[in-house]
Protein backbone atom coordinates (compact mmCIF):
# COMPACT_ATOMS: atom_id res chain seq x y z
CA UNK A 1 -0.16 0.03 -0.19
CA UNK A 2 8.27 -4.70 -9.02
CA UNK A 3 10.46 -5.07 -11.83
CA UNK A 4 12.64 -6.78 -13.17
CA UNK A 5 12.16 -9.08 -10.75
CA UNK A 6 9.57 -10.97 -11.94
CA UNK A 7 7.60 -11.64 -8.52
CA UNK A 8 7.39 -7.76 -7.98
CA UNK A 9 6.55 -7.64 -11.75
CA UNK A 10 3.21 -5.15 -11.56
CA UNK A 11 2.73 -1.43 -10.20
CA UNK A 12 0.02 -2.36 -7.74
CA UNK A 13 -1.30 -0.15 -4.76
CA UNK A 14 0.59 0.72 0.10
CA UNK A 15 7.68 9.03 30.32
CA UNK A 16 9.00 10.74 32.49
CA UNK A 17 9.82 14.99 31.94
CA UNK A 18 12.66 15.21 29.90
CA UNK A 19 16.20 16.44 31.42
CA UNK A 20 17.37 20.27 31.35
CA UNK A 21 19.68 20.65 28.16
CA UNK A 22 23.02 20.38 29.93
CA UNK A 23 21.83 16.55 30.72
CA UNK A 24 20.81 16.22 27.46
CA UNK A 25 23.89 16.95 26.04
CA UNK A 26 26.08 14.67 28.21
CA UNK A 27 23.76 11.75 28.04
CA UNK A 28 23.91 11.93 24.01
CA UNK A 29 28.01 12.53 24.48
CA UNK A 30 28.00 9.03 26.75
CA UNK A 31 25.62 7.21 24.64
CA UNK A 32 28.03 7.78 21.72
CA UNK A 33 31.22 6.22 23.34
CA UNK A 34 29.21 3.63 24.21
CA UNK A 35 28.00 2.93 20.40
CA UNK A 36 31.14 3.33 19.04
CA UNK A 37 33.01 1.38 21.75
CA UNK A 38 30.33 -1.67 21.83
CA UNK A 39 29.26 -2.32 18.45
CA UNK A 40 31.50 -4.17 15.83
CA UNK A 41 30.14 -1.91 13.42
CA UNK A 42 31.84 1.30 14.28
CA UNK A 43 35.12 -1.02 13.72
CA UNK A 44 37.01 0.82 10.82
CA UNK A 45 34.91 4.11 11.66
CA UNK A 46 37.36 5.46 13.92
CA UNK A 47 37.93 5.72 17.46
CA UNK A 48 36.01 7.91 19.80
CA UNK A 49 38.19 10.64 19.31
CA UNK A 50 39.10 10.42 15.85
CA UNK A 51 38.68 13.88 13.85
CA UNK A 52 35.26 14.04 12.11
CA UNK A 53 35.38 13.52 8.81
CA UNK A 54 32.82 13.02 5.22
CA UNK A 55 33.30 8.82 5.59
CA UNK A 56 30.44 8.65 3.11
CA UNK A 57 28.14 9.89 0.49
CA UNK A 58 25.64 12.22 2.45
CA UNK A 59 28.32 12.36 5.40
CA UNK A 60 30.32 15.37 6.23
CA UNK A 61 32.22 16.61 9.14
CA UNK A 62 29.22 18.21 10.29
CA UNK A 63 25.96 16.61 8.62
CA UNK A 64 24.13 13.58 7.18
CA UNK A 65 21.60 14.07 4.73
CA UNK A 66 19.12 11.27 4.04
CA UNK A 67 16.19 10.85 2.05
CA UNK A 68 12.28 9.75 1.67
CA UNK A 69 9.93 9.48 -0.85
CA UNK A 70 6.09 10.43 1.27
CA UNK A 71 2.91 10.99 -0.12
CA UNK A 72 2.13 14.51 0.74
CA UNK A 73 -0.96 14.71 -2.01
CA UNK A 74 -2.74 12.05 -3.39
CA UNK A 75 -4.84 8.96 -1.82
CA UNK A 76 -2.73 8.60 1.28
CA UNK A 77 -1.82 12.03 2.11
CA UNK A 78 -4.82 12.11 4.79
CA UNK A 79 -2.67 11.20 7.92
CA UNK A 80 0.15 10.02 6.44
CA UNK A 81 1.34 13.48 5.36
CA UNK A 82 2.28 14.02 8.83
CA UNK A 83 4.72 11.45 9.08
CA UNK A 84 7.75 12.84 7.85
CA UNK A 85 7.61 16.10 9.40
CA UNK A 86 7.24 14.10 12.56
CA UNK A 87 10.64 12.26 12.47
CA UNK A 88 11.86 15.67 11.46
CA UNK A 89 10.80 17.12 14.66
CA UNK A 90 12.62 14.87 16.22
CA UNK A 91 15.41 15.08 14.21
CA UNK A 92 15.62 18.76 14.93
CA UNK A 93 15.58 17.53 19.00
CA UNK A 94 18.53 15.88 18.43
CA UNK A 95 20.18 18.51 16.08
CA UNK A 96 19.47 21.04 19.22
CA UNK A 97 20.91 18.57 21.49
CA UNK A 98 24.35 18.05 20.47
CA UNK A 99 23.14 15.93 17.08
CA UNK A 100 24.78 12.37 16.20
CA UNK A 101 28.22 12.26 17.05
CA UNK A 102 28.09 16.23 16.81
CA UNK A 103 27.11 16.06 12.93
CA UNK A 104 23.22 17.75 12.52
CA UNK A 105 20.58 15.59 9.91
CA UNK A 106 19.64 16.62 7.14
CA UNK A 107 15.92 14.96 5.76
CA UNK A 108 15.03 15.63 2.28
CA UNK A 109 11.51 13.89 1.44
CA UNK A 110 9.92 14.63 -1.23
CA UNK A 111 6.35 13.78 -2.29
CA UNK A 112 5.36 10.79 -4.63
CA UNK A 113 1.60 11.26 -4.42
CA UNK A 114 1.47 7.79 -4.10
CA UNK A 115 2.55 6.92 -7.44
CA UNK A 116 4.70 4.40 -7.80
CA UNK A 117 6.57 6.01 -11.07
CA UNK A 118 6.87 9.08 -8.99
CA UNK A 119 8.49 7.84 -6.97
CA UNK A 120 10.56 5.76 -8.76
CA UNK A 121 11.10 9.80 -9.96
CA UNK A 122 11.70 11.51 -6.61
CA UNK A 123 14.10 8.50 -5.71
CA UNK A 124 16.50 8.59 -8.52
CA UNK A 125 16.47 12.94 -7.64
CA UNK A 126 17.07 11.87 -4.27
CA UNK A 127 20.38 9.38 -4.76
CA UNK A 128 21.82 10.71 -7.97
CA UNK A 129 21.46 14.34 -7.76
CA UNK A 130 21.50 14.94 -3.68
CA UNK A 131 23.27 12.29 -3.01
CA UNK A 132 21.59 11.58 0.28
CA UNK A 133 23.30 9.05 2.28
CA UNK A 134 20.60 6.38 2.73
CA UNK A 135 16.70 6.58 2.67
CA UNK A 136 14.77 6.59 5.36
CA UNK A 137 11.15 5.76 5.84
CA UNK A 138 10.09 5.86 2.20
CA UNK A 139 6.68 5.44 2.26
CA UNK A 140 3.97 2.61 1.05
CA UNK A 141 4.12 -0.85 -0.43
CA UNK A 142 3.13 0.01 -4.10
CA UNK A 143 5.41 2.90 -4.24
CA UNK A 144 8.50 1.83 -2.54
CA UNK A 145 8.69 -1.72 -4.57
CA UNK A 146 9.12 0.51 -7.53
CA UNK A 147 12.53 1.74 -6.18
CA UNK A 148 13.94 -1.03 -4.05
CA UNK A 149 15.58 -2.60 -6.75
CA UNK A 150 17.86 0.25 -7.73
CA UNK A 151 18.08 1.54 -4.19
CA UNK A 152 20.00 -2.17 -3.44
CA UNK A 153 21.95 -1.81 -6.64
CA UNK A 154 23.35 1.88 -5.81
CA UNK A 155 24.32 0.20 -2.33
CA UNK A 156 22.21 2.93 -0.50
CA UNK A 157 21.12 2.65 3.00
CA UNK A 158 17.30 1.52 2.29
CA UNK A 159 16.22 1.99 6.21
CA UNK A 160 13.09 1.46 7.82
CA UNK A 161 10.79 1.47 4.67
CA UNK A 162 7.10 3.03 6.14
CA UNK A 163 5.27 -0.21 4.89
CA UNK A 164 4.77 -3.65 6.95
CA UNK A 165 5.39 -6.05 3.41
CA UNK A 166 6.91 -8.94 3.95
CA UNK A 167 9.23 -8.32 0.51
CA UNK A 168 11.21 -5.98 3.22
CA UNK A 169 13.34 -8.85 4.54
CA UNK A 170 15.29 -10.53 1.72
CA UNK A 171 18.90 -9.86 2.64
CA UNK A 172 20.16 -12.13 -0.38
CA UNK A 173 18.87 -10.06 -2.39
CA UNK A 174 18.00 -6.64 -1.18
CA UNK A 175 20.84 -6.60 1.87
CA UNK A 176 20.53 -2.96 1.75
CA UNK A 177 16.27 -2.72 2.94
CA UNK A 178 15.12 -3.17 6.28
CA UNK A 179 11.49 -3.17 7.13
CA UNK A 180 10.39 -1.34 10.77
CA UNK A 181 6.96 -1.60 11.29
CA UNK A 182 4.98 -4.78 12.16
CA UNK A 183 4.92 -6.65 9.25
CA UNK A 184 1.16 -7.09 7.79
CA UNK A 185 1.85 -11.13 8.29
CA UNK A 186 2.21 -10.74 11.74
CA UNK A 187 -0.60 -8.16 12.40
CA UNK A 188 -3.20 -10.07 10.51
CA UNK A 189 -2.54 -13.72 12.38
CA UNK A 190 -2.78 -10.89 15.44
CA UNK A 191 -5.85 -10.16 14.19
CA UNK A 192 -6.81 -13.00 13.09
CA UNK A 193 -6.35 -15.14 16.28
CA UNK A 194 -8.76 -12.72 18.02
CA UNK A 195 -11.27 -12.59 15.48
CA UNK A 196 -11.43 -16.35 15.19
CA UNK A 197 -11.78 -16.35 19.28
CA UNK A 198 -14.19 -13.51 20.07
CA UNK A 199 -16.53 -14.33 17.13
CA UNK A 200 -16.36 -17.84 16.63
CA UNK A 201 -19.37 -18.79 14.16
CA UNK A 202 -20.07 -15.59 13.16
CA UNK A 203 -19.61 -14.45 9.00
CA UNK A 204 -16.62 -12.59 8.33
CA UNK A 205 -15.88 -10.64 6.02
CA UNK A 206 -12.02 -9.16 4.14
CA UNK A 207 -11.65 -5.66 2.76
CA UNK A 208 -7.86 -5.25 1.68
CA UNK A 209 -6.12 -3.31 -0.94
CA UNK A 210 -5.33 -5.17 -3.84
CA UNK A 211 -1.44 -5.34 -4.19
CA UNK A 212 1.10 -6.56 -1.03
CA UNK A 213 -0.14 -4.43 1.98
CA UNK A 214 -3.46 -5.98 1.81
CA UNK A 215 -2.63 -9.71 0.65
CA UNK A 216 -0.33 -9.89 2.75
CA UNK A 217 -2.27 -9.04 5.38
CA UNK A 218 -4.80 -11.77 4.29
CA UNK A 219 -2.28 -14.36 4.51
CA UNK A 220 -2.15 -13.60 8.08
CA UNK A 221 -6.32 -14.06 8.75
CA UNK A 222 -6.40 -16.87 6.34
CA UNK A 223 -3.53 -18.79 8.98
CA UNK A 224 -5.95 -18.06 12.07
CA UNK A 225 -9.47 -17.79 10.47
CA UNK A 226 -11.14 -21.00 9.44
CA UNK A 227 -12.34 -20.86 5.34
CA UNK A 228 -16.00 -21.76 6.08
CA UNK A 229 -16.23 -18.35 8.49
CA UNK A 230 -15.27 -16.22 5.71
CA UNK A 231 -18.24 -15.60 3.65
CA UNK A 232 -16.45 -12.04 1.43
CA UNK A 233 -13.62 -11.12 -0.04
CA UNK A 234 -13.55 -7.45 -1.05
CA UNK A 235 -10.30 -5.49 -2.80
CA UNK A 236 -9.99 -1.92 -3.61
CA UNK A 237 -7.55 0.15 -5.91
CA UNK A 238 -6.78 3.49 -4.16
CA UNK A 239 -6.76 4.94 -7.61
CA UNK A 240 -10.66 4.64 -7.52
CA UNK A 241 -12.88 6.09 -4.29
CA UNK A 242 -15.89 3.86 -5.12
CA UNK A 243 -16.07 1.53 -3.32
CA UNK A 244 -19.65 0.97 -2.75
CA UNK A 245 -20.11 -2.36 -5.24
CA UNK A 246 -17.44 -3.94 -2.43
CA UNK A 247 -19.53 -2.83 0.62
CA UNK A 248 -22.89 -3.74 -1.15
CA UNK A 249 -21.39 -7.00 -1.86
CA UNK A 250 -20.16 -7.67 2.00
CA UNK A 251 -23.52 -6.85 2.83
CA UNK A 252 -25.13 -9.55 0.79
CA UNK A 253 -22.79 -11.73 1.66
CA UNK A 254 -24.12 -11.18 5.57
CA UNK A 255 -20.94 -10.85 6.87
CA UNK A 256 -20.94 -9.97 10.43
CA UNK A 257 -17.62 -8.84 10.73
CA UNK A 258 -15.67 -6.97 8.33
CA UNK A 259 -11.95 -7.00 8.45
CA UNK A 260 -10.02 -4.32 6.84
CA UNK A 261 -6.81 -3.98 5.28
CA UNK A 262 -6.92 -0.22 4.48
CA UNK A 263 -4.92 3.38 4.19
CA UNK A 264 -7.16 5.99 6.44
CA UNK A 265 -9.15 7.42 3.56
CA UNK A 266 -10.74 4.00 2.52
CA UNK A 267 -11.21 3.14 6.29
CA UNK A 268 -13.21 6.21 6.49
CA UNK A 269 -15.45 5.38 3.45
CA UNK A 270 -15.90 2.09 4.02
CA UNK A 271 -17.10 3.21 6.79
CA UNK A 272 -19.59 5.53 5.28
CA UNK A 273 -20.91 3.56 2.81
CA UNK A 274 -21.95 1.10 5.27
CA UNK A 275 -24.07 3.70 6.84
CA UNK A 276 -25.70 4.44 3.07
CA UNK A 277 -27.23 1.05 3.18
CA UNK A 278 -27.92 0.69 7.14
CA UNK A 279 -25.00 -2.16 7.34
CA UNK A 280 -23.16 -2.17 10.53
CA UNK A 281 -21.25 -5.13 10.79
CA UNK A 282 -17.99 -4.74 13.75
CA UNK A 283 -15.16 -3.35 12.07
CA UNK A 284 -11.18 -4.88 12.78
CA UNK A 285 -9.02 -3.03 11.13
CA UNK A 286 -5.33 -3.33 11.06
CA UNK A 287 -3.43 -0.12 12.10
CA UNK A 288 -2.30 1.57 9.24
CA UNK A 289 -5.77 2.74 8.64
CA UNK A 290 -6.96 2.96 12.18
CA UNK A 291 -5.48 6.15 13.56
CA UNK A 292 -8.34 7.65 15.83
CA UNK A 293 -8.16 11.55 14.82
CA UNK A 294 -7.16 10.90 11.50
CA UNK A 295 -10.28 8.70 10.79
CA UNK A 296 -12.81 11.05 12.59
CA UNK A 297 -11.66 13.89 10.48
CA UNK A 298 -11.62 12.02 6.74
CA UNK A 299 -15.15 10.73 8.58
CA UNK A 300 -16.36 14.10 9.20
CA UNK A 301 -14.91 15.90 5.60
CA UNK A 302 -16.28 13.01 3.58
CA UNK A 303 -19.38 13.12 4.85
CA UNK A 304 -19.42 17.06 4.56
CA UNK A 305 -18.79 17.11 1.25
CA UNK A 306 -21.46 14.75 0.35
CA UNK A 307 -23.98 17.52 2.66
CA UNK A 308 -24.34 15.59 5.52
CA UNK A 309 -22.98 16.32 8.74
CA UNK A 310 -21.40 13.14 11.13
CA UNK A 311 -19.73 12.98 14.58
CA UNK A 312 -16.53 11.25 13.39
CA UNK A 313 -15.55 10.16 17.27
CA UNK A 314 -19.12 8.58 17.71
CA UNK A 315 -18.53 6.85 14.09
CA UNK A 316 -15.59 5.45 15.47
CA UNK A 317 -15.88 4.21 19.17
CA UNK A 318 -15.67 0.47 19.22
CA UNK A 319 -13.56 -0.30 15.82
CA UNK A 320 -10.52 -3.42 17.06
CA UNK A 321 -7.52 -2.54 15.80
CA UNK A 322 -4.25 -3.14 16.95
CA UNK A 323 -0.86 -1.47 17.87
CA UNK A 324 2.99 -2.13 17.70
CA UNK A 325 3.59 1.41 19.42
CA UNK A 326 2.09 3.16 22.65
CA UNK A 327 -1.07 4.49 22.08
CA UNK A 328 -1.08 8.11 21.95
CA UNK A 329 -3.63 8.48 24.02
CA UNK A 330 -1.59 6.90 26.68
CA UNK A 331 -0.03 9.99 28.62
CA UNK A 332 1.23 8.08 31.64
CA UNK A 333 3.68 6.84 29.37
CA UNK A 334 7.33 7.77 29.24
CA UNK A 335 7.80 7.50 25.42
CA UNK A 336 4.43 9.33 25.07
CA UNK A 337 5.75 12.18 27.26
CA UNK A 338 9.33 12.11 25.15
CA UNK A 339 7.30 12.49 21.81
CA UNK A 340 4.56 14.98 22.84
CA UNK A 341 7.52 17.13 24.17
CA UNK A 342 9.38 16.83 20.84
CA UNK A 343 5.62 17.71 19.10
CA UNK A 344 4.77 20.41 21.03
CA UNK A 345 8.03 22.19 20.50
CA UNK A 346 9.17 21.21 16.91
CA UNK A 347 5.78 20.18 14.90
CA UNK A 348 2.88 21.80 17.01
CA UNK A 349 0.76 22.26 13.77
CA UNK A 350 -0.05 19.05 14.12
CA UNK A 351 -2.35 16.98 15.97
CA UNK A 352 -0.68 14.79 18.46
CA UNK A 353 -1.96 11.59 16.87
CA UNK A 354 -0.78 8.14 15.29
CA UNK A 355 0.96 9.28 12.71
CA UNK A 356 3.12 11.58 14.43
CA UNK A 357 4.01 9.01 17.25
CA UNK A 358 5.04 6.67 14.12
CA UNK A 359 7.37 9.45 12.98
CA UNK A 360 8.67 10.48 15.98
CA UNK A 361 9.35 6.79 16.94
CA UNK A 362 11.06 6.15 13.52
CA UNK A 363 13.08 8.92 13.86
CA UNK A 364 14.38 7.67 17.14
CA UNK A 365 15.43 4.10 16.04
CA UNK A 366 17.05 5.87 13.32
CA UNK A 367 19.30 7.73 15.64
CA UNK A 368 19.84 4.61 17.46
CA UNK A 369 21.17 2.83 13.87
CA UNK A 370 23.40 5.92 13.23
CA UNK A 371 24.99 5.65 16.84
CA UNK A 372 25.71 2.18 16.30
CA UNK A 373 27.19 2.79 13.02
CA UNK A 374 30.35 4.50 13.79
CA UNK A 375 31.71 7.75 14.90
CA UNK A 376 32.51 8.09 11.00
CA UNK A 377 30.15 5.88 9.59
CA UNK A 378 30.12 4.03 6.14
CA UNK A 379 27.00 3.10 4.23
CA UNK A 380 27.83 -0.43 4.87
CA UNK A 381 28.34 0.15 8.27
CA UNK A 382 25.10 1.58 8.91
CA UNK A 383 23.78 -2.04 7.74
CA UNK A 384 25.61 -3.94 9.82
CA UNK A 385 24.82 -1.91 13.23
CA UNK A 386 21.25 -2.49 12.31
CA UNK A 387 22.21 -6.10 11.30
CA UNK A 388 23.60 -6.60 15.02
CA UNK A 389 20.81 -5.60 16.61
CA UNK A 390 18.67 -2.56 18.07
CA UNK A 391 17.80 -2.21 21.43
CA UNK A 392 13.69 -2.49 21.56
CA UNK A 393 13.15 1.68 22.49
CA UNK A 394 9.49 2.58 22.01
CA UNK A 395 8.20 -0.56 19.91
CA UNK A 396 5.49 -3.14 21.84
CA UNK A 397 7.84 -6.09 20.82
CA UNK A 398 11.43 -7.04 20.18
CA UNK A 399 13.10 -6.26 16.94
CA UNK A 400 13.82 -9.31 14.49
CA UNK A 401 16.99 -7.61 12.71
CA UNK A 402 19.88 -9.87 11.99
CA UNK A 403 22.23 -10.66 9.42
CA UNK A 404 19.38 -12.76 8.35
CA UNK A 405 16.55 -11.24 9.12
CA UNK A 406 15.02 -7.95 8.21
CA UNK A 407 12.05 -7.58 9.67
CA UNK A 408 11.32 -4.91 11.91
CA UNK A 409 8.86 -4.79 15.07
CA UNK A 410 7.66 -8.40 16.06
CA UNK A 411 4.50 -7.56 18.47
CA UNK A 412 1.10 -5.92 18.71
CA UNK A 413 -1.35 -5.58 21.07
CA UNK A 414 -4.74 -5.71 21.34
CA UNK A 415 -6.99 -2.45 21.22
CA UNK A 416 -10.39 -0.53 20.46
CA UNK A 417 -10.98 3.11 20.20
CA UNK A 418 -13.12 4.78 22.23
CA UNK A 419 -13.91 8.31 22.85
CA UNK A 420 -10.83 9.15 20.29
CA UNK A 421 -8.29 7.15 21.59
CA UNK A 422 -7.21 3.01 21.19
CA UNK A 423 -7.26 1.55 24.56
CA UNK A 424 -5.20 -1.27 24.85
CA UNK A 425 -6.75 -4.76 25.84
CA UNK A 426 -4.37 -7.32 27.30
CA UNK A 427 -0.41 -7.72 26.47
CA UNK A 428 1.57 -7.31 23.44
CA UNK A 429 1.71 -10.59 21.80
CA UNK A 430 4.50 -11.55 19.20
CA UNK A 431 4.43 -14.29 16.71
CA UNK A 432 6.36 -14.87 13.53
CA UNK A 433 4.97 -15.17 9.92
CA UNK A 434 4.67 -18.40 9.64
CA UNK A 435 1.24 -20.68 9.54
CA UNK A 436 2.54 -22.90 12.12
CA UNK A 437 3.93 -20.44 14.18
CA UNK A 438 2.56 -19.47 17.94
CA UNK A 439 0.84 -16.26 18.96
CA UNK A 440 2.22 -15.74 22.79
CA UNK A 441 2.11 -12.88 25.19
CA UNK A 442 5.20 -11.00 25.26
CA UNK A 443 7.14 -11.34 28.39
CA UNK A 444 9.91 -9.28 27.92
CA UNK A 445 10.25 -5.81 30.42
CA UNK A 446 9.21 -2.99 28.45
CA UNK A 447 11.87 -0.16 28.17
CA UNK A 448 11.90 3.42 29.13
CA UNK A 449 12.77 6.37 27.46
CA UNK A 450 15.36 7.82 28.26
CA UNK A 451 15.53 10.83 30.74
CA UNK A 452 17.58 13.12 27.75
CA UNK A 453 14.87 11.87 25.01
CA UNK A 454 18.48 10.75 23.20
CA UNK A 455 19.31 6.80 22.49
């Protein structure tokens, strides 16, 4: 939500209070020294006292320039256009507190309108003209599939793709590409198990994007939900907002529960088209399409365009979803407190929602990786640093990074939307991407955000 690779040949649509500045700067210095001496990825990058050099494309003695393609316009823009500015807000916070080994992060993100052809153009500009060190958090399954081969051929680190496609885990063929968020197969399994257990005997319908995003989610669902329960499977193309036929088919099937792997705009359209038909199934929506603030706003906007007035918060009450980061509404969580403070200082015009939280959290992970890549990093040392493993940070489950796995977060909790926020129901659950892999409660200790706000 990929030529020349045959299997991808088509472009289918994808805390606590912070310490003072002086304490934060000291913490960064300590973290930097520890990362440099403790990570094999940093060997050959210089000692903790070595002069800073222009050690790789996009790296100077004073800066790290990275790039990204983002849907600042187009069908995926609602909500998702907030992600890159939120990452940049966290980078500004890091820059204001000493940077990464003294270097400031420069983040160049260009609009691809969620269009794979446009993605190919802007990514080539970033790599060949702007000479970025790495591609960071390129958003979308169909869009990123258009550039993954190019980035790996150019040996550009392609880190933390903003998509849960199973396809980012291909270290043998795409050694520079890494996922970050919970992949859609694991997510499908976790949601599928919940539905199979809590709606036993009910008729289930699927609504999903017609690309690897939706198909990976359906694969996970089918691992857990008995085939006999599924009465309808309806897909949509994000270039066509008329989903009335799909919703009518779901209604005609008698579906009592509809599970949706959709981007936010199509989750909202699904809800509104269902209302028009007096169709009220229980909605179960994948994380990427279920941010409460984004959904509520879209519902009200779309309804107004049709001449109606609705209460978005009321319409989303009761939607079941999942989360692999803390809920943005959990003000007692140390990570939420940290990212809210960064937001209020550097990104205050945006709502503090799940998209902003995502952007800041993945930005934090990038800084972790850069510290482990060494004082004078190369592109290869960043890859090695991630494969050596990263601390869990704000994620609800551990990362799966190694030399043989480029998957990111491995777990999520089930949550229900109520009063504009996602309320967690039970512990985080972890699993793998196989049909036989167990889904188990995560027993690890939740990490606290550092008082400095820096890795």
